């Protein structure tokens, strides 16, 4: 399963660029847009860290004021879909 979270990160406006760089440097984190101290971010599980732990870590980035979860989804990986299809009995 792929765990995807969408977040809105509020920062001190003068620190936004630093926060964007820190989030993009995090495996599993990606900035999609930012303006006036607001940053739209997606976070997904990695082999080493769950998305929820990465969200908690974002609170510790200097300049971050709040992190709000706005979207959450579990999706199957492409290789999992193939494994499910292969395991399904075929009717003739």
PDB file of N, CA and C in Angstrom:
ATOM      1  N   UNK A   1       0.825  -1.187   0.000  1.00  0.00           N
ATOM      2  CA  UNK A   1       0.000   0.000   0.000  1.00  0.00           C
ATOM      3  C   UNK A   1       0.869   1.249   0.000  1.00  0.00           C
ATOM      4  N   UNK A   2       0.407   2.222  -0.708  1.00  0.00           N
ATOM      5  CA  UNK A   2       1.059   3.524  -0.753  1.00  0.00           C
ATOM      6  C   UNK A   2       0.235   4.475   0.095  1.00  0.00           C
ATOM      7  N   UNK A   3       0.853   5.086   1.081  1.00  0.00           N
ATOM      8  CA  UNK A   3       0.204   6.015   1.991  1.00  0.00           C
ATOM      9  C   UNK A   3       0.585   7.426   1.569  1.00  0.00           C
ATOM     10  N   UNK A   4      -0.397   8.224   1.145  1.00  0.00           N
ATOM     11  CA  UNK A   4      -0.136   9.584   0.668  1.00  0.00           C
ATOM     12  C   UNK A   4      -0.897  10.575   1.536  1.00  0.00           C
ATOM     13  N   UNK A   5      -0.203  11.616   1.993  1.00  0.00           N
ATOM     14  CA  UNK A   5      -0.816  12.673   2.795  1.00  0.00           C
ATOM     15  C   UNK A   5      -0.575  14.016   2.123  1.00  0.00           C
ATOM     16  N   UNK A   6      -1.603  14.832   2.090  1.00  0.00           N
ATOM     17  CA  UNK A   6      -1.473  16.204   1.616  1.00  0.00           C
ATOM     18  C   UNK A   6      -1.529  17.132   2.812  1.00  0.00           C
ATOM     19  N   UNK A   7      -0.641  18.108   2.855  1.00  0.00           N
ATOM     20  CA  UNK A   7      -0.565  19.023   3.997  1.00  0.00           C
ATOM     21  C   UNK A   7      -0.459  20.465   3.532  1.00  0.00           C
ATOM     22  N   UNK A   8      -0.942  21.349   4.408  1.00  0.00           N
ATOM     23  CA  UNK A   8      -0.709  22.770   4.243  1.00  0.00           C
ATOM     24  C   UNK A   8       0.234  23.184   5.358  1.00  0.00           C
ATOM     25  N   UNK A   9       1.383  23.724   4.972  1.00  0.00           N
ATOM     26  CA  UNK A   9       2.399  24.147   5.933  1.00  0.00           C
ATOM     27  C   UNK A   9       2.410  25.668   5.961  1.00  0.00           C
ATOM     28  N   UNK A  10       2.235  26.244   7.150  1.00  0.00           N
ATOM     29  CA  UNK A  10       2.351  27.695   7.316  1.00  0.00           C
ATOM     30  C   UNK A  10       3.730  27.998   7.893  1.00  0.00           C
ATOM     31  N   UNK A  11       4.373  29.015   7.324  1.00  0.00           N
ATOM     32  CA  UNK A  11       5.710  29.396   7.773  1.00  0.00           C
ATOM     33  C   UNK A  11       5.760  30.887   8.052  1.00  0.00           C
ATOM     34  N   UNK A  12       6.826  31.283   8.710  1.00  0.00           N
ATOM     35  CA  UNK A  12       7.132  32.707   8.761  1.00  0.00           C
ATOM     36  C   UNK A  12       7.493  33.077   7.324  1.00  0.00           C
ATOM     37  N   UNK A  13       6.843  34.086   6.743  1.00  0.00           N
ATOM     38  CA  UNK A  13       7.066  34.382   5.324  1.00  0.00           C
ATOM     39  C   UNK A  13       8.530  34.540   4.931  1.00  0.00           C
ATOM     40  N   UNK A  14       9.341  35.113   5.809  1.00  0.00           N
ATOM     41  CA  UNK A  14      10.755  35.310   5.473  1.00  0.00           C
ATOM     42  C   UNK A  14      11.547  34.002   5.500  1.00  0.00           C
ATOM     43  N   UNK A  15      10.962  32.912   6.010  1.00  0.00           N
ATOM     44  CA  UNK A  15      11.656  31.619   6.086  1.00  0.00           C
ATOM     45  C   UNK A  15      11.106  30.595   5.082  1.00  0.00           C
ATOM     46  N   UNK A  16      10.144  31.009   4.266  1.00  0.00           N
ATOM     47  CA  UNK A  16       9.483  30.071   3.358  1.00  0.00           C
ATOM     48  C   UNK A  16      10.466  29.351   2.439  1.00  0.00           C
ATOM     49  N   UNK A  17      11.393  30.073   1.842  1.00  0.00           N
ATOM     50  CA  UNK A  17      12.347  29.444   0.914  1.00  0.00           C
ATOM     51  C   UNK A  17      13.160  28.360   1.608  1.00  0.00           C
ATOM     52  N   UNK A  18      13.580  28.612   2.838  1.00  0.00           N
ATOM     53  CA  UNK A  18      14.345  27.613   3.602  1.00  0.00           C
ATOM     54  C   UNK A  18      13.494  26.375   3.889  1.00  0.00           C
ATOM     55  N   UNK A  19      12.251  26.604   4.237  1.00  0.00           N
ATOM     56  CA  UNK A  19      11.357  25.486   4.549  1.00  0.00           C
ATOM     57  C   UNK A  19      11.089  24.659   3.293  1.00  0.00           C
ATOM     58  N   UNK A  20      10.849  25.325   2.170  1.00  0.00           N
ATOM     59  CA  UNK A  20      10.631  24.625   0.894  1.00  0.00           C
ATOM     60  C   UNK A  20      11.833  23.738   0.583  1.00  0.00           C
ATOM     61  N   UNK A  21      13.031  24.270   0.734  1.00  0.00           N
ATOM     62  CA  UNK A  21      14.251  23.501   0.469  1.00  0.00           C
ATOM     63  C   UNK A  21      14.343  22.294   1.399  1.00  0.00           C
ATOM     64  N   UNK A  22      14.042  22.480   2.678  1.00  0.00           N
ATOM     65  CA  UNK A  22      14.117  21.379   3.647  1.00  0.00           C
ATOM     66  C   UNK A  22      13.103  20.285   3.331  1.00  0.00           C
ATOM     67  N   UNK A  23      11.888  20.666   2.972  1.00  0.00           N
ATOM     68  CA  UNK A  23      10.868  19.663   2.655  1.00  0.00           C
ATOM     69  C   UNK A  23      11.242  18.899   1.394  1.00  0.00           C
ATOM     70  N   UNK A  24      11.673  19.595   0.359  1.00  0.00           N
ATOM     71  CA  UNK A  24      12.057  18.925  -0.888  1.00  0.00           C
ATOM     72  C   UNK A  24      13.278  18.024  -0.704  1.00  0.00           C
ATOM     73  N   UNK A  25      14.108  18.302   0.287  1.00  0.00           N
ATOM     74  CA  UNK A  25      15.288  17.475   0.554  1.00  0.00           C
ATOM     75  C   UNK A  25      14.940  16.214   1.336  1.00  0.00           C
ATOM     76  N   UNK A  26      13.715  16.134   1.826  1.00  0.00           N
ATOM     77  CA  UNK A  26      13.267  14.988   2.606  1.00  0.00           C
ATOM     78  C   UNK A  26      12.732  13.910   1.668  1.00  0.00           C
ATOM     79  N   UNK A  27      13.241  12.691   1.813  1.00  0.00           N
ATOM     80  CA  UNK A  27      12.719  11.593   1.005  1.00  0.00           C
ATOM     81  C   UNK A  27      11.246  11.390   1.347  1.00  0.00           C
ATOM     82  N   UNK A  28      10.400  11.365   0.322  1.00  0.00           N
ATOM     83  CA  UNK A  28       8.965  11.193   0.532  1.00  0.00           C
ATOM     84  C   UNK A  28       8.197  12.497   0.582  1.00  0.00           C
ATOM     85  N   UNK A  29       8.890  13.631   0.723  1.00  0.00           N
ATOM     86  CA  UNK A  29       8.231  14.938   0.776  1.00  0.00           C
ATOM     87  C   UNK A  29       8.387  15.682  -0.529  1.00  0.00           C
ATOM     88  N   UNK A  30       7.334  16.394  -0.933  1.00  0.00           N
ATOM     89  CA  UNK A  30       7.400  17.163  -2.176  1.00  0.00           C
ATOM     90  C   UNK A  30       6.534  18.415  -2.053  1.00  0.00           C
ATOM     91  N   UNK A  31       7.117  19.559  -2.379  1.00  0.00           N
ATOM     92  CA  UNK A  31       6.394  20.825  -2.393  1.00  0.00           C
ATOM     93  C   UNK A  31       5.773  20.998  -3.774  1.00  0.00           C
ATOM     94  N   UNK A  32       4.482  21.364  -3.803  1.00  0.00           N
ATOM     95  CA  UNK A  32       3.783  21.552  -5.071  1.00  0.00           C
ATOM     96  C   UNK A  32       3.517  23.019  -5.382  1.00  0.00           C
ATOM     97  N   UNK A  33       3.385  23.839  -4.347  1.00  0.00           N
ATOM     98  CA  UNK A  33       3.139  25.278  -4.541  1.00  0.00           C
ATOM     99  C   UNK A  33       3.421  25.991  -3.230  1.00  0.00           C
ATOM    100  N   UNK A  34       3.746  27.285  -3.345  1.00  0.00           N
ATOM    101  CA  UNK A  34       3.901  28.089  -2.130  1.00  0.00           C
ATOM    102  C   UNK A  34       3.688  29.560  -2.458  1.00  0.00           C
ATOM    103  N   UNK A  35       3.128  30.273  -1.473  1.00  0.00           N
ATOM    104  CA  UNK A  35       2.888  31.704  -1.621  1.00  0.00           C
ATOM    105  C   UNK A  35       2.591  32.288  -0.240  1.00  0.00           C
ATOM    106  N   UNK A  36       3.187  33.423   0.067  1.00  0.00           N
ATOM    107  CA  UNK A  36       2.914  34.167   1.299  1.00  0.00           C
ATOM    108  C   UNK A  36       2.975  33.307   2.562  1.00  0.00           C
ATOM    109  N   UNK A  37       3.964  32.451   2.655  1.00  0.00           N
ATOM    110  CA  UNK A  37       4.125  31.649   3.855  1.00  0.00           C
ATOM    111  C   UNK A  37       3.250  30.412   3.929  1.00  0.00           C
ATOM    112  N   UNK A  38       2.551  30.094   2.868  1.00  0.00           N
ATOM    113  CA  UNK A  38       1.736  28.874   2.797  1.00  0.00           C
ATOM    114  C   UNK A  38       2.349  27.940   1.765  1.00  0.00           C
ATOM    115  N   UNK A  39       2.505  26.672   2.145  1.00  0.00           N
ATOM    116  CA  UNK A  39       3.145  25.696   1.272  1.00  0.00           C
ATOM    117  C   UNK A  39       2.243  24.471   1.153  1.00  0.00           C
ATOM    118  N   UNK A  40       1.985  24.043  -0.079  1.00  0.00           N
ATOM    119  CA  UNK A  40       1.216  22.827  -0.334  1.00  0.00           C
ATOM    120  C   UNK A  40       2.209  21.688  -0.533  1.00  0.00           C
ATOM    121  N   UNK A  41       2.056  20.631   0.278  1.00  0.00           N
ATOM    122  CA  UNK A  41       3.039  19.548   0.329  1.00  0.00           C
ATOM    123  C   UNK A  41       2.325  18.203   0.247  1.00  0.00           C
ATOM    124  N   UNK A  42       2.956  17.239  -0.423  1.00  0.00           N
ATOM    125  CA  UNK A  42       2.538  15.847  -0.276  1.00  0.00           C
ATOM    126  C   UNK A  42       3.678  15.084   0.385  1.00  0.00           C
ATOM    127  N   UNK A  43       3.286  14.106   1.177  1.00  0.00           N
ATOM    128  CA  UNK A  43       4.234  13.262   1.883  1.00  0.00           C
ATOM    129  C   UNK A  43       3.766  11.821   1.698  1.00  0.00           C
ATOM    130  N   UNK A  44       4.707  10.925   1.418  1.00  0.00           N
ATOM    131  CA  UNK A  44       4.334   9.510   1.322  1.00  0.00           C
ATOM    132  C   UNK A  44       5.325   8.661   2.090  1.00  0.00           C
ATOM    133  N   UNK A  45       4.855   7.478   2.500  1.00  0.00           N
ATOM    134  CA  UNK A  45       5.718   6.552   3.226  1.00  0.00           C
ATOM    135  C   UNK A  45       6.965   6.239   2.405  1.00  0.00           C
ATOM    136  N   UNK A  46       8.076   6.048   3.104  1.00  0.00           N
ATOM    137  CA  UNK A  46       9.300   5.552   2.482  1.00  0.00           C
ATOM    138  C   UNK A  46       9.646   4.239   3.165  1.00  0.00           C
ATOM    139  N   UNK A  47      10.704   3.597   2.725  1.00  0.00           N
ATOM    140  CA  UNK A  47      11.118   2.350   3.369  1.00  0.00           C
ATOM    141  C   UNK A  47      11.537   2.583   4.810  1.00  0.00           C
ATOM    142  N   UNK A  48      12.065   3.783   5.108  1.00  0.00           N
ATOM    143  CA  UNK A  48      12.601   4.063   6.433  1.00  0.00           C
ATOM    144  C   UNK A  48      11.662   4.825   7.364  1.00  0.00           C
ATOM    145  N   UNK A  49      10.660   5.499   6.805  1.00  0.00           N
ATOM    146  CA  UNK A  49       9.842   6.370   7.657  1.00  0.00           C
ATOM    147  C   UNK A  49       8.411   6.459   7.139  1.00  0.00           C
ATOM    148  N   UNK A  50       7.468   6.421   8.062  1.00  0.00           N
ATOM    149  CA  UNK A  50       6.061   6.578   7.694  1.00  0.00           C
ATOM    150  C   UNK A  50       5.758   8.051   7.448  1.00  0.00           C
ATOM    151  N   UNK A  51       4.756   8.302   6.635  1.00  0.00           N
ATOM    152  CA  UNK A  51       4.361   9.676   6.317  1.00  0.00           C
ATOM    153  C   UNK A  51       3.989  10.441   7.581  1.00  0.00           C
ATOM    154  N   UNK A  52       3.312   9.790   8.507  1.00  0.00           N
ATOM    155  CA  UNK A  52       2.911  10.475   9.742  1.00  0.00           C
ATOM    156  C   UNK A  52       4.128  10.953  10.532  1.00  0.00           C
ATOM    157  N   UNK A  53       5.199  10.164  10.534  1.00  0.00           N
ATOM    158  CA  UNK A  53       6.427  10.584  11.220  1.00  0.00           C
ATOM    159  C   UNK A  53       7.098  11.751  10.495  1.00  0.00           C
ATOM    160  N   UNK A  54       7.035  11.741   9.168  1.00  0.00           N
ATOM    161  CA  UNK A  54       7.603  12.847   8.398  1.00  0.00           C
ATOM    162  C   UNK A  54       6.836  14.142   8.656  1.00  0.00           C
ATOM    163  N   UNK A  55       5.519  14.032   8.801  1.00  0.00           N
ATOM    164  CA  UNK A  55       4.707  15.214   9.107  1.00  0.00           C
ATOM    165  C   UNK A  55       5.101  15.768  10.472  1.00  0.00           C
ATOM    166  N   UNK A  56       5.290  14.896  11.441  1.00  0.00           N
ATOM    167  CA  UNK A  56       5.719  15.349  12.766  1.00  0.00           C
ATOM    168  C   UNK A  56       7.088  16.023  12.682  1.00  0.00           C
ATOM    169  N   UNK A  57       7.976  15.483  11.847  1.00  0.00           N
ATOM    170  CA  UNK A  57       9.312  16.074  11.674  1.00  0.00           C
ATOM    171  C   UNK A  57       9.236  17.473  11.060  1.00  0.00           C
ATOM    172  N   UNK A  58       8.251  17.705  10.177  1.00  0.00           N
ATOM    173  CA  UNK A  58       8.130  19.022   9.544  1.00  0.00           C
ATOM    174  C   UNK A  58       7.888  20.117  10.584  1.00  0.00           C
ATOM    175  N   UNK A  59       7.239  19.761  11.692  1.00  0.00           N
ATOM    176  CA  UNK A  59       7.008  20.742  12.754  1.00  0.00           C
ATOM    177  C   UNK A  59       8.323  21.275  13.330  1.00  0.00           C
ATOM    178  N   UNK A  60       9.394  20.510  13.182  1.00  0.00           N
ATOM    179  CA  UNK A  60      10.686  20.885  13.758  1.00  0.00           C
ATOM    180  C   UNK A  60      11.563  21.701  12.818  1.00  0.00           C
ATOM    181  N   UNK A  61      11.126  21.903  11.577  1.00  0.00           N
ATOM    182  CA  UNK A  61      11.903  22.703  10.622  1.00  0.00           C
ATOM    183  C   UNK A  61      11.835  24.166  11.068  1.00  0.00           C
ATOM    184  N   UNK A  62      12.987  24.819  11.226  1.00  0.00           N
ATOM    185  CA  UNK A  62      12.978  26.232  11.632  1.00  0.00           C
ATOM    186  C   UNK A  62      12.144  27.084  10.672  1.00  0.00           C
ATOM    187  N   UNK A  63      11.248  27.883  11.228  1.00  0.00           N
ATOM    188  CA  UNK A  63      10.381  28.746  10.433  1.00  0.00           C
ATOM    189  C   UNK A  63       8.980  28.204  10.247  1.00  0.00           C
ATOM    190  N   UNK A  64       8.761  26.905  10.523  1.00  0.00           N
ATOM    191  CA  UNK A  64       7.423  26.317  10.381  1.00  0.00           C
ATOM    192  C   UNK A  64       6.577  26.730  11.575  1.00  0.00           C
ATOM    193  N   UNK A  65       5.380  27.229  11.284  1.00  0.00           N
ATOM    194  CA  UNK A  65       4.435  27.613  12.332  1.00  0.00           C
ATOM    195  C   UNK A  65       3.416  26.506  12.595  1.00  0.00           C
ATOM    196  N   UNK A  66       2.807  25.978  11.517  1.00  0.00           N
ATOM    197  CA  UNK A  66       1.840  24.885  11.645  1.00  0.00           C
ATOM    198  C   UNK A  66       1.939  23.957  10.448  1.00  0.00           C
ATOM    199  N   UNK A  67       1.525  22.716  10.665  1.00  0.00           N
ATOM    200  CA  UNK A  67       1.380  21.739   9.588  1.00  0.00           C
ATOM    201  C   UNK A  67      -0.008  21.125   9.764  1.00  0.00           C
ATOM    202  N   UNK A  68      -0.848  21.235   8.735  1.00  0.00           N
ATOM    203  CA  UNK A  68      -2.213  20.743   8.804  1.00  0.00           C
ATOM    204  C   UNK A  68      -2.427  19.660   7.757  1.00  0.00           C
ATOM    205  N   UNK A  69      -2.893  18.504   8.189  1.00  0.00           N
ATOM    206  CA  UNK A  69      -3.230  17.424   7.271  1.00  0.00           C
ATOM    207  C   UNK A  69      -4.527  17.790   6.559  1.00  0.00           C
ATOM    208  N   UNK A  70      -4.503  17.834   5.233  1.00  0.00           N
ATOM    209  CA  UNK A  70      -5.693  18.218   4.472  1.00  0.00           C
ATOM    210  C   UNK A  70      -6.228  17.088   3.601  1.00  0.00           C
ATOM    211  N   UNK A  71      -5.422  16.034   3.396  1.00  0.00           N
ATOM    212  CA  UNK A  71      -5.822  14.930   2.521  1.00  0.00           C
ATOM    213  C   UNK A  71      -5.069  13.693   2.955  1.00  0.00           C
ATOM    214  N   UNK A  72      -5.739  12.536   2.901  1.00  0.00           N
ATOM    215  CA  UNK A  72      -5.070  11.281   3.231  1.00  0.00           C
ATOM    216  C   UNK A  72      -5.652  10.182   2.371  1.00  0.00           C
ATOM    217  N   UNK A  73      -4.787   9.359   1.798  1.00  0.00           N
ATOM    218  CA  UNK A  73      -5.242   8.281   0.917  1.00  0.00           C
ATOM    219  C   UNK A  73      -4.287   7.097   0.982  1.00  0.00           C
ATOM    220  N   UNK A  74      -4.864   5.906   0.909  1.00  0.00           N
ATOM    221  CA  UNK A  74      -4.078   4.686   0.731  1.00  0.00           C
ATOM    222  C   UNK A  74      -4.349   4.192  -0.682  1.00  0.00           C
ATOM    223  N   UNK A  75      -3.288   3.914  -1.423  1.00  0.00           N
ATOM    224  CA  UNK A  75      -3.425   3.415  -2.789  1.00  0.00           C
ATOM    225  C   UNK A  75      -2.546   2.191  -2.952  1.00  0.00           C
ATOM    226  N   UNK A  76      -2.951   1.299  -3.838  1.00  0.00           N
ATOM    227  CA  UNK A  76      -2.132   0.128  -4.124  1.00  0.00           C
ATOM    228  C   UNK A  76      -1.006   0.496  -5.071  1.00  0.00           C
ATOM    229  N   UNK A  77       0.180  -0.114  -4.854  1.00  0.00           N
ATOM    230  CA  UNK A  77       1.295   0.024  -5.788  1.00  0.00           C
ATOM    231  C   UNK A  77       0.948  -0.727  -7.056  1.00  0.00           C
ATOM    232  N   UNK A  78       1.529  -0.335  -8.183  1.00  0.00           N
ATOM    233  CA  UNK A  78       1.295  -1.042  -9.445  1.00  0.00           C
ATOM    234  C   UNK A  78       1.662  -2.513  -9.329  1.00  0.00           C
ATOM    235  N   UNK A  79       2.776  -2.838  -8.628  1.00  0.00           N
ATOM    236  CA  UNK A  79       3.178  -4.234  -8.495  1.00  0.00           C
ATOM    237  C   UNK A  79       2.200  -5.012  -7.619  1.00  0.00           C
ATOM    238  N   UNK A  80       1.528  -4.360  -6.670  1.00  0.00           N
ATOM    239  CA  UNK A  80       0.515  -5.023  -5.850  1.00  0.00           C
ATOM    240  C   UNK A  80      -0.727  -5.325  -6.668  1.00  0.00           C
ATOM    241  N   UNK A  81      -1.093  -4.415  -7.580  1.00  0.00           N
ATOM    242  CA  UNK A  81      -2.259  -4.638  -8.428  1.00  0.00           C
ATOM    243  C   UNK A  81      -2.031  -5.860  -9.299  1.00  0.00           C
ATOM    244  N   UNK A  82      -0.832  -5.982  -9.874  1.00  0.00           N
ATOM    245  CA  UNK A  82      -0.507  -7.146 -10.688  1.00  0.00           C
ATOM    246  C   UNK A  82      -0.534  -8.430  -9.888  1.00  0.00           C
ATOM    247  N   UNK A  83      -0.048  -8.395  -8.647  1.00  0.00           N
ATOM    248  CA  UNK A  83      -0.042  -9.581  -7.791  1.00  0.00           C
ATOM    249  C   UNK A  83      -1.460  -9.992  -7.434  1.00  0.00           C
ATOM    250  N   UNK A  84      -2.343  -9.029  -7.200  1.00  0.00           N
ATOM    251  CA  UNK A  84      -3.742  -9.341  -6.893  1.00  0.00           C
ATOM    252  C   UNK A  84      -4.406  -9.942  -8.112  1.00  0.00           C
ATOM    253  N   UNK A  85      -4.174  -9.373  -9.294  1.00  0.00           N
ATOM    254  CA  UNK A  85      -4.766  -9.911 -10.533  1.00  0.00           C
ATOM    255  C   UNK A  85      -4.270 -11.328 -10.793  1.00  0.00           C
ATOM    256  N   UNK A  86      -2.986 -11.586 -10.565  1.00  0.00           N
ATOM    257  CA  UNK A  86      -2.431 -12.910 -10.815  1.00  0.00           C
ATOM    258  C   UNK A  86      -2.980 -13.933  -9.825  1.00  0.00           C
ATOM    259  N   UNK A  87      -3.295 -13.500  -8.615  1.00  0.00           N
ATOM    260  CA  UNK A  87      -3.794 -14.419  -7.594  1.00  0.00           C
ATOM    261  C   UNK A  87      -5.294 -14.674  -7.729  1.00  0.00           C
ATOM    262  N   UNK A  88      -5.993 -13.856  -8.491  1.00  0.00           N
ATOM    263  CA  UNK A  88      -7.436 -14.006  -8.635  1.00  0.00           C
ATOM    264  C   UNK A  88      -7.758 -15.193  -9.525  1.00  0.00           C
ATOM    265  N   UNK A  89      -8.738 -16.003  -9.114  1.00  0.00           N
ATOM    266  CA  UNK A  89      -9.119 -17.132  -9.962  1.00  0.00           C
ATOM    267  C   UNK A  89      -9.766 -16.621 -11.254  1.00  0.00           C
ATOM    268  N   UNK A  90      -9.512 -17.323 -12.332  1.00  0.00           N
ATOM    269  CA  UNK A  90     -10.063 -16.959 -13.624  1.00  0.00           C
ATOM    270  C   UNK A  90     -11.258 -17.835 -13.916  1.00  0.00           C
ATOM    271  N   UNK A  91     -12.368 -17.219 -14.328  1.00  0.00           N
ATOM    272  CA  UNK A  91     -13.581 -17.979 -14.691  1.00  0.00           C
ATOM    273  C   UNK A  91     -13.652 -18.068 -16.203  1.00  0.00           C
ATOM    274  N   UNK A  92     -13.980 -19.229 -16.680  1.00  0.00           N
ATOM    275  CA  UNK A  92     -14.110 -19.437 -18.136  1.00  0.00           C
ATOM    276  C   UNK A  92     -15.542 -19.701 -18.493  1.00  0.00           C
TER     277      UNK A  92
END
